[in-house]
């Protein structure tokens, strides 16, 4: 990959894992391992999210595999679907997974 997947500008590539577009602000991190996530809900239909403290997306919300605080997660909270913090999600894929789950 040499170009931004969103705007086609030349990207800064850090071989072999990431590419960043300074013009658009897009960043992609690549991994050979497949990733799977579940969207945990409680009996009231609220969705559990955790706020990252480390790595990419620090300070923003992601979907946890198990909803509990860790060194990587400073806060764990359940949100009603109408109250999800869309503008504070760490990754576009988290937003898309939640939109698909709620559709």
N, C-alpha and C. Protein backbone atom coordinates (compact mmCIF):
# COMPACT_ATOMS: atom_id res chain seq x y z
N UNK A 1 0.84 -1.17 0.00
CA UNK A 1 0.00 0.00 0.00
C UNK A 1 0.89 1.24 0.00
N UNK A 2 0.65 2.12 -0.93
CA UNK A 2 1.41 3.36 -1.01
C UNK A 2 0.52 4.58 -0.93
N UNK A 3 -0.80 4.38 -1.07
CA UNK A 3 -1.72 5.50 -1.14
C UNK A 3 -2.85 5.35 -0.13
N UNK A 4 -3.39 6.49 0.30
CA UNK A 4 -4.51 6.52 1.24
C UNK A 4 -5.71 5.81 0.63
N UNK A 5 -6.34 4.95 1.42
CA UNK A 5 -7.52 4.23 0.94
C UNK A 5 -8.74 5.13 0.84
N UNK A 6 -8.70 6.31 1.44
CA UNK A 6 -9.85 7.21 1.42
C UNK A 6 -9.74 8.32 0.37
N UNK A 7 -8.52 8.89 0.18
CA UNK A 7 -8.42 10.03 -0.74
C UNK A 7 -7.39 9.82 -1.85
N UNK A 8 -6.65 8.71 -1.83
CA UNK A 8 -5.66 8.35 -2.85
C UNK A 8 -4.39 9.19 -2.82
N UNK A 9 -4.21 10.05 -1.80
CA UNK A 9 -2.95 10.79 -1.65
C UNK A 9 -1.86 9.80 -1.23
N UNK A 10 -0.62 10.14 -1.49
CA UNK A 10 0.48 9.27 -1.08
C UNK A 10 0.52 9.18 0.44
N UNK A 11 0.63 7.97 0.95
CA UNK A 11 0.59 7.73 2.39
C UNK A 11 2.00 7.55 2.95
N UNK A 12 2.17 7.83 4.24
CA UNK A 12 3.41 7.52 4.95
C UNK A 12 3.28 6.07 5.40
N UNK A 13 4.17 5.22 4.94
CA UNK A 13 4.09 3.80 5.26
C UNK A 13 5.18 3.43 6.24
N UNK A 14 4.80 2.79 7.32
CA UNK A 14 5.74 2.24 8.28
C UNK A 14 5.68 0.73 8.12
N UNK A 15 6.61 0.22 7.36
CA UNK A 15 6.58 -1.19 7.01
C UNK A 15 6.76 -2.05 8.25
N UNK A 16 6.06 -3.13 8.39
CA UNK A 16 5.02 -3.66 7.52
C UNK A 16 3.62 -3.41 8.05
N UNK A 17 3.48 -2.59 9.11
CA UNK A 17 2.21 -2.57 9.82
C UNK A 17 1.27 -1.42 9.59
N UNK A 18 1.73 -0.24 9.22
CA UNK A 18 0.79 0.86 9.19
C UNK A 18 1.02 1.82 8.03
N UNK A 19 -0.04 2.55 7.72
CA UNK A 19 0.02 3.60 6.72
C UNK A 19 -0.81 4.77 7.26
N UNK A 20 -0.32 5.98 7.03
CA UNK A 20 -0.99 7.18 7.53
C UNK A 20 -1.08 8.21 6.40
N UNK A 21 -2.25 8.85 6.32
CA UNK A 21 -2.46 9.93 5.37
C UNK A 21 -2.53 11.23 6.16
N UNK A 22 -1.52 12.06 6.05
CA UNK A 22 -1.50 13.33 6.76
C UNK A 22 -2.56 14.28 6.22
N UNK A 23 -2.80 14.23 4.93
CA UNK A 23 -3.76 15.14 4.30
C UNK A 23 -5.19 14.85 4.77
N UNK A 24 -5.55 13.58 4.83
CA UNK A 24 -6.92 13.19 5.18
C UNK A 24 -7.07 12.85 6.66
N UNK A 25 -5.96 12.47 7.30
CA UNK A 25 -6.03 12.09 8.70
C UNK A 25 -6.35 10.62 8.90
N UNK A 26 -6.31 9.84 7.84
CA UNK A 26 -6.63 8.42 7.90
C UNK A 26 -5.41 7.63 8.32
N UNK A 27 -5.61 6.60 9.14
CA UNK A 27 -4.53 5.70 9.52
C UNK A 27 -5.03 4.29 9.49
N UNK A 28 -4.26 3.40 8.92
CA UNK A 28 -4.62 1.99 8.86
C UNK A 28 -3.50 1.17 9.48
N UNK A 29 -3.86 0.21 10.29
CA UNK A 29 -2.90 -0.71 10.88
C UNK A 29 -3.27 -2.10 10.39
N UNK A 30 -2.28 -2.79 9.87
CA UNK A 30 -2.52 -4.10 9.28
C UNK A 30 -1.98 -5.20 10.18
N UNK A 31 -2.70 -6.30 10.20
CA UNK A 31 -2.30 -7.45 10.99
C UNK A 31 -2.63 -8.71 10.20
N UNK A 32 -1.80 -9.70 10.33
CA UNK A 32 -2.06 -10.96 9.64
C UNK A 32 -3.08 -11.82 10.37
N UNK A 33 -3.26 -11.54 11.65
CA UNK A 33 -4.19 -12.32 12.43
C UNK A 33 -5.62 -11.85 12.19
N UNK A 34 -6.55 -12.80 12.03
CA UNK A 34 -7.94 -12.38 11.92
C UNK A 34 -8.43 -11.83 13.26
N UNK A 35 -9.34 -10.88 13.22
CA UNK A 35 -9.87 -10.28 14.43
C UNK A 35 -11.38 -10.51 14.48
N UNK A 36 -11.84 -10.91 15.64
CA UNK A 36 -13.27 -11.14 15.85
C UNK A 36 -13.67 -10.38 17.10
N UNK A 37 -14.83 -9.77 17.08
CA UNK A 37 -15.33 -9.07 18.26
C UNK A 37 -16.81 -9.39 18.43
N UNK A 38 -17.21 -9.44 19.67
CA UNK A 38 -18.63 -9.59 20.00
C UNK A 38 -19.09 -8.27 20.60
N UNK A 39 -20.35 -7.97 20.48
CA UNK A 39 -20.90 -6.76 21.07
C UNK A 39 -21.70 -7.17 22.30
N UNK A 40 -21.10 -7.02 23.48
CA UNK A 40 -21.79 -7.46 24.70
C UNK A 40 -22.93 -6.53 25.08
N UNK A 41 -24.06 -7.13 25.45
CA UNK A 41 -25.24 -6.38 25.90
C UNK A 41 -25.69 -6.94 27.23
N UNK A 42 -26.35 -6.09 28.02
CA UNK A 42 -26.91 -6.57 29.27
C UNK A 42 -28.40 -6.89 29.07
N UNK A 43 -29.05 -7.31 30.14
CA UNK A 43 -30.46 -7.72 30.04
C UNK A 43 -31.40 -6.58 29.64
N UNK A 44 -30.95 -5.32 29.78
CA UNK A 44 -31.76 -4.17 29.38
C UNK A 44 -31.46 -3.71 27.95
N UNK A 45 -30.59 -4.43 27.25
CA UNK A 45 -30.25 -4.08 25.88
C UNK A 45 -29.15 -3.04 25.76
N UNK A 46 -28.56 -2.62 26.90
CA UNK A 46 -27.46 -1.65 26.84
C UNK A 46 -26.22 -2.34 26.29
N UNK A 47 -25.39 -1.56 25.63
CA UNK A 47 -24.17 -2.07 25.00
C UNK A 47 -22.97 -1.69 25.85
N UNK A 48 -22.13 -2.68 26.16
CA UNK A 48 -20.92 -2.44 26.97
C UNK A 48 -19.79 -1.97 26.07
N UNK A 49 -19.12 -0.88 26.49
CA UNK A 49 -17.93 -0.37 25.81
C UNK A 49 -16.85 -0.11 26.83
N UNK A 50 -15.59 -0.09 26.37
CA UNK A 50 -14.50 0.29 27.27
C UNK A 50 -13.70 1.40 26.64
N UNK A 51 -13.17 2.28 27.50
CA UNK A 51 -12.36 3.41 27.04
C UNK A 51 -10.89 3.00 27.08
N UNK A 52 -10.24 3.04 25.93
CA UNK A 52 -8.83 2.64 25.84
C UNK A 52 -7.92 3.65 26.53
N UNK A 53 -6.86 3.14 27.16
CA UNK A 53 -5.87 4.03 27.76
C UNK A 53 -4.52 3.91 27.07
N UNK A 54 -4.31 2.85 26.32
CA UNK A 54 -3.04 2.62 25.65
C UNK A 54 -3.25 2.43 24.15
N UNK A 55 -2.18 2.59 23.41
CA UNK A 55 -2.13 2.26 21.98
C UNK A 55 -3.04 3.16 21.14
N UNK A 56 -3.26 2.72 19.92
CA UNK A 56 -4.11 3.44 18.97
C UNK A 56 -5.52 3.62 19.55
N UNK A 57 -6.05 4.80 19.44
CA UNK A 57 -7.39 5.06 19.94
C UNK A 57 -7.46 5.35 21.43
N UNK A 58 -6.34 5.66 22.07
CA UNK A 58 -6.33 5.95 23.51
C UNK A 58 -7.31 7.08 23.82
N UNK A 59 -8.08 6.90 24.89
CA UNK A 59 -9.07 7.88 25.30
C UNK A 59 -10.41 7.74 24.61
N UNK A 60 -10.52 6.78 23.71
CA UNK A 60 -11.75 6.58 22.95
C UNK A 60 -12.35 5.22 23.27
N UNK A 61 -13.59 5.02 22.86
CA UNK A 61 -14.35 3.81 23.19
C UNK A 61 -14.20 2.72 22.14
N UNK A 62 -14.16 1.45 22.62
CA UNK A 62 -14.15 0.28 21.75
C UNK A 62 -15.06 -0.79 22.35
N UNK A 63 -15.32 -1.82 21.56
CA UNK A 63 -16.09 -2.96 22.03
C UNK A 63 -15.14 -3.92 22.74
N UNK A 64 -15.41 -4.33 23.98
CA UNK A 64 -14.53 -5.27 24.69
C UNK A 64 -14.91 -6.72 24.38
N UNK A 65 -13.91 -7.67 24.44
CA UNK A 65 -14.27 -9.11 24.41
C UNK A 65 -14.90 -9.48 25.72
N UNK A 66 -14.41 -8.99 26.95
CA UNK A 66 -14.98 -9.15 28.30
C UNK A 66 -15.05 -7.76 28.91
N UNK A 67 -16.23 -7.25 29.37
CA UNK A 67 -16.32 -5.89 29.91
C UNK A 67 -15.79 -5.75 31.33
N UNK A 68 -14.48 -5.51 31.46
CA UNK A 68 -13.88 -5.21 32.76
C UNK A 68 -12.65 -4.33 32.56
N UNK A 69 -12.31 -3.55 33.59
CA UNK A 69 -11.16 -2.65 33.51
C UNK A 69 -9.86 -3.44 33.50
N UNK A 70 -8.93 -2.96 32.68
CA UNK A 70 -7.59 -3.56 32.58
C UNK A 70 -6.59 -2.41 32.46
N UNK A 71 -5.31 -2.74 32.29
CA UNK A 71 -4.31 -1.69 32.06
C UNK A 71 -4.60 -0.94 30.76
N UNK A 72 -5.27 -1.59 29.82
CA UNK A 72 -5.60 -0.97 28.54
C UNK A 72 -6.95 -0.26 28.56
N UNK A 73 -7.75 -0.51 29.59
CA UNK A 73 -9.09 0.06 29.64
C UNK A 73 -9.33 0.76 30.97
N UNK A 74 -9.41 2.08 30.93
CA UNK A 74 -9.57 2.85 32.16
C UNK A 74 -11.01 2.93 32.64
N UNK A 75 -11.95 2.65 31.76
CA UNK A 75 -13.36 2.79 32.11
C UNK A 75 -14.18 1.79 31.32
N UNK A 76 -15.17 1.21 31.96
CA UNK A 76 -16.10 0.30 31.31
C UNK A 76 -17.50 0.80 31.63
N UNK A 77 -18.34 0.93 30.60
CA UNK A 77 -19.68 1.46 30.80
C UNK A 77 -20.67 0.82 29.86
N UNK A 78 -21.91 0.71 30.31
CA UNK A 78 -22.99 0.23 29.45
C UNK A 78 -23.79 1.44 28.98
N UNK A 79 -24.06 1.49 27.68
CA UNK A 79 -24.79 2.59 27.07
C UNK A 79 -26.09 2.09 26.46
N UNK A 80 -27.17 2.82 26.66
CA UNK A 80 -28.38 2.57 25.90
C UNK A 80 -28.06 2.88 24.44
N UNK A 81 -28.63 2.16 23.49
CA UNK A 81 -28.31 2.43 22.08
C UNK A 81 -28.44 3.90 21.69
N UNK A 82 -29.41 4.60 22.22
CA UNK A 82 -29.60 6.02 21.88
C UNK A 82 -28.52 6.92 22.47
N UNK A 83 -27.78 6.41 23.46
CA UNK A 83 -26.76 7.22 24.14
C UNK A 83 -25.33 6.85 23.78
N UNK A 84 -25.13 6.02 22.76
CA UNK A 84 -23.77 5.62 22.38
C UNK A 84 -22.94 6.84 22.01
N UNK A 85 -21.66 6.90 22.45
CA UNK A 85 -20.80 8.04 22.16
C UNK A 85 -20.15 7.94 20.77
N UNK A 86 -20.97 8.09 19.73
CA UNK A 86 -20.51 7.88 18.36
C UNK A 86 -19.26 8.68 18.02
N UNK A 87 -19.18 9.92 18.45
CA UNK A 87 -18.04 10.78 18.10
C UNK A 87 -16.78 10.46 18.90
N UNK A 88 -16.89 9.56 19.85
CA UNK A 88 -15.74 9.19 20.68
C UNK A 88 -15.29 7.75 20.45
N UNK A 89 -15.75 7.12 19.38
CA UNK A 89 -15.34 5.75 19.09
C UNK A 89 -13.90 5.75 18.57
N UNK A 90 -13.13 4.74 18.96
CA UNK A 90 -11.72 4.67 18.59
C UNK A 90 -11.52 4.34 17.11
N UNK A 91 -12.36 3.50 16.55
CA UNK A 91 -12.13 3.00 15.20
C UNK A 91 -13.41 3.04 14.37
N UNK A 92 -13.26 3.27 13.08
CA UNK A 92 -14.42 3.27 12.18
C UNK A 92 -15.09 1.91 12.19
N UNK A 93 -14.28 0.85 12.35
CA UNK A 93 -14.85 -0.50 12.34
C UNK A 93 -15.77 -0.74 13.54
N UNK A 94 -15.46 -0.09 14.68
CA UNK A 94 -16.33 -0.19 15.85
C UNK A 94 -17.67 0.47 15.55
N UNK A 95 -17.63 1.66 14.95
CA UNK A 95 -18.86 2.35 14.58
C UNK A 95 -19.70 1.50 13.63
N UNK A 96 -19.04 0.93 12.63
CA UNK A 96 -19.77 0.15 11.63
C UNK A 96 -20.38 -1.11 12.23
N UNK A 97 -19.63 -1.78 13.10
CA UNK A 97 -20.16 -2.99 13.75
C UNK A 97 -21.38 -2.65 14.61
N UNK A 98 -21.31 -1.54 15.33
CA UNK A 98 -22.45 -1.14 16.14
C UNK A 98 -23.64 -0.74 15.29
N UNK A 99 -23.40 -0.01 14.19
CA UNK A 99 -24.51 0.34 13.30
C UNK A 99 -25.17 -0.91 12.74
N UNK A 100 -24.35 -1.88 12.32
CA UNK A 100 -24.90 -3.13 11.78
C UNK A 100 -25.71 -3.87 12.84
N UNK A 101 -25.20 -3.91 14.07
CA UNK A 101 -25.89 -4.63 15.14
C UNK A 101 -27.21 -3.97 15.49
N UNK A 102 -27.28 -2.66 15.38
CA UNK A 102 -28.50 -1.94 15.75
C UNK A 102 -29.50 -1.80 14.61
N UNK A 103 -29.07 -2.14 13.40
CA UNK A 103 -29.96 -2.00 12.23
C UNK A 103 -31.07 -3.04 12.25
